[in-house]
C-alpha atoms as a PDB file:
ATOM      1  CA  UNK A   1     -17.688  29.443 -14.708  1.00  0.00           C
ATOM      2  CA  UNK A   2     -14.421  29.434 -16.654  1.00  0.00           C
ATOM      3  CA  UNK A   3     -15.466  26.233 -18.405  1.00  0.00           C
ATOM      4  CA  UNK A   4     -18.552  27.866 -19.923  1.00  0.00           C
ATOM      5  CA  UNK A   5     -17.928  28.912 -23.547  1.00  0.00           C
ATOM      6  CA  UNK A   6     -20.391  31.838 -23.256  1.00  0.00           C
ATOM      7  CA  UNK A   7     -18.678  33.272 -20.157  1.00  0.00           C
ATOM      8  CA  UNK A   8     -15.190  33.130 -21.691  1.00  0.00           C
ATOM      9  CA  UNK A   9     -16.088  34.007 -25.288  1.00  0.00           C
ATOM     10  CA  UNK A  10     -14.010  37.235 -25.157  1.00  0.00           C
ATOM     11  CA  UNK A  11     -11.265  35.921 -22.903  1.00  0.00           C
ATOM     12  CA  UNK A  12      -9.951  32.795 -24.541  1.00  0.00           C
ATOM     13  CA  UNK A  13     -11.038  29.211 -24.583  1.00  0.00           C
ATOM     14  CA  UNK A  14     -12.993  27.340 -21.876  1.00  0.00           C
ATOM     15  CA  UNK A  15     -10.893  25.619 -19.197  1.00  0.00           C
ATOM     16  CA  UNK A  16     -11.143  22.005 -18.114  1.00  0.00           C
ATOM     17  CA  UNK A  17     -11.932  21.292 -14.489  1.00  0.00           C
ATOM     18  CA  UNK A  18      -8.238  20.579 -13.844  1.00  0.00           C
ATOM     19  CA  UNK A  19      -7.167  23.892 -15.451  1.00  0.00           C
ATOM     20  CA  UNK A  20      -9.711  25.833 -13.408  1.00  0.00           C
ATOM     21  CA  UNK A  21      -8.498  24.123 -10.185  1.00  0.00           C
ATOM     22  CA  UNK A  22      -4.854  24.946 -10.968  1.00  0.00           C
ATOM     23  CA  UNK A  23      -5.833  28.600 -11.674  1.00  0.00           C
ATOM     24  CA  UNK A  24      -7.515  28.820  -8.290  1.00  0.00           C
ATOM     25  CA  UNK A  25      -4.441  27.371  -6.585  1.00  0.00           C
ATOM     26  CA  UNK A  26      -2.197  29.875  -8.414  1.00  0.00           C
ATOM     27  CA  UNK A  27      -4.380  32.761  -7.255  1.00  0.00           C
ATOM     28  CA  UNK A  28      -4.178  31.565  -3.635  1.00  0.00           C
ATOM     29  CA  UNK A  29      -0.444  31.147  -4.022  1.00  0.00           C
ATOM     30  CA  UNK A  30       0.045  34.746  -5.186  1.00  0.00           C
ATOM     31  CA  UNK A  31      -1.493  35.990  -1.941  1.00  0.00           C
ATOM     32  CA  UNK A  32       0.413  33.470   0.239  1.00  0.00           C
ATOM     33  CA  UNK A  33       3.797  34.113  -1.329  1.00  0.00           C
ATOM     34  CA  UNK A  34       3.733  37.754  -2.387  1.00  0.00           C
ATOM     35  CA  UNK A  35       0.985  39.389  -0.318  1.00  0.00           C
ATOM     36  CA  UNK A  36      -0.878  40.522  -3.426  1.00  0.00           C
ATOM     37  CA  UNK A  37      -2.906  38.999  -6.200  1.00  0.00           C
ATOM     38  CA  UNK A  38      -6.270  39.194  -7.874  1.00  0.00           C
ATOM     39  CA  UNK A  39      -9.492  40.623  -6.478  1.00  0.00           C
ATOM     40  CA  UNK A  40     -13.075  39.662  -7.306  1.00  0.00           C
ATOM     41  CA  UNK A  41     -15.122  42.555  -8.687  1.00  0.00           C
ATOM     42  CA  UNK A  42     -18.707  42.575  -7.501  1.00  0.00           C
ATOM     43  CA  UNK A  43     -21.685  44.726  -8.393  1.00  0.00           C
ATOM     44  CA  UNK A  44     -22.368  46.398  -5.027  1.00  0.00           C
ATOM     45  CA  UNK A  45     -26.201  46.582  -5.180  1.00  0.00           C
ATOM     46  CA  UNK A  46     -26.771  43.005  -6.399  1.00  0.00           C
ATOM     47  CA  UNK A  47     -23.572  41.292  -5.226  1.00  0.00           C
ATOM     48  CA  UNK A  48     -23.220  39.820  -8.721  1.00  0.00           C
ATOM     49  CA  UNK A  49     -19.722  38.737  -9.719  1.00  0.00           C
ATOM     50  CA  UNK A  50     -18.396  40.828 -12.631  1.00  0.00           C
ATOM     51  CA  UNK A  51     -14.870  39.560 -13.030  1.00  0.00           C
ATOM     52  CA  UNK A  52     -11.483  39.879 -11.440  1.00  0.00           C
ATOM     53  CA  UNK A  53      -8.623  42.365 -11.507  1.00  0.00           C
ATOM     54  CA  UNK A  54      -5.403  42.985  -9.645  1.00  0.00           C
ATOM     55  CA  UNK A  55      -1.671  42.803  -9.867  1.00  0.00           C
ATOM     56  CA  UNK A  56       0.733  40.063 -10.691  1.00  0.00           C
ATOM     57  CA  UNK A  57       4.471  39.971 -10.396  1.00  0.00           C
ATOM     58  CA  UNK A  58       6.125  40.481 -13.761  1.00  0.00           C
ATOM     59  CA  UNK A  59       8.415  37.704 -14.965  1.00  0.00           C
ATOM     60  CA  UNK A  60      10.349  40.120 -17.177  1.00  0.00           C
END
């Protein structure tokens, strides 16, 4: 999904397969290391994926 130019048109440039894989591993790592991370947002009636949201630890 993140490699599709239409899907990411308002959120940056499409990712390569390797970039998408590394993003997934980072998201898993947030939960494993910090106990928080990103959540999938779904449309309740249809179950359609709408995006993601959540918290990330600030580096500042």
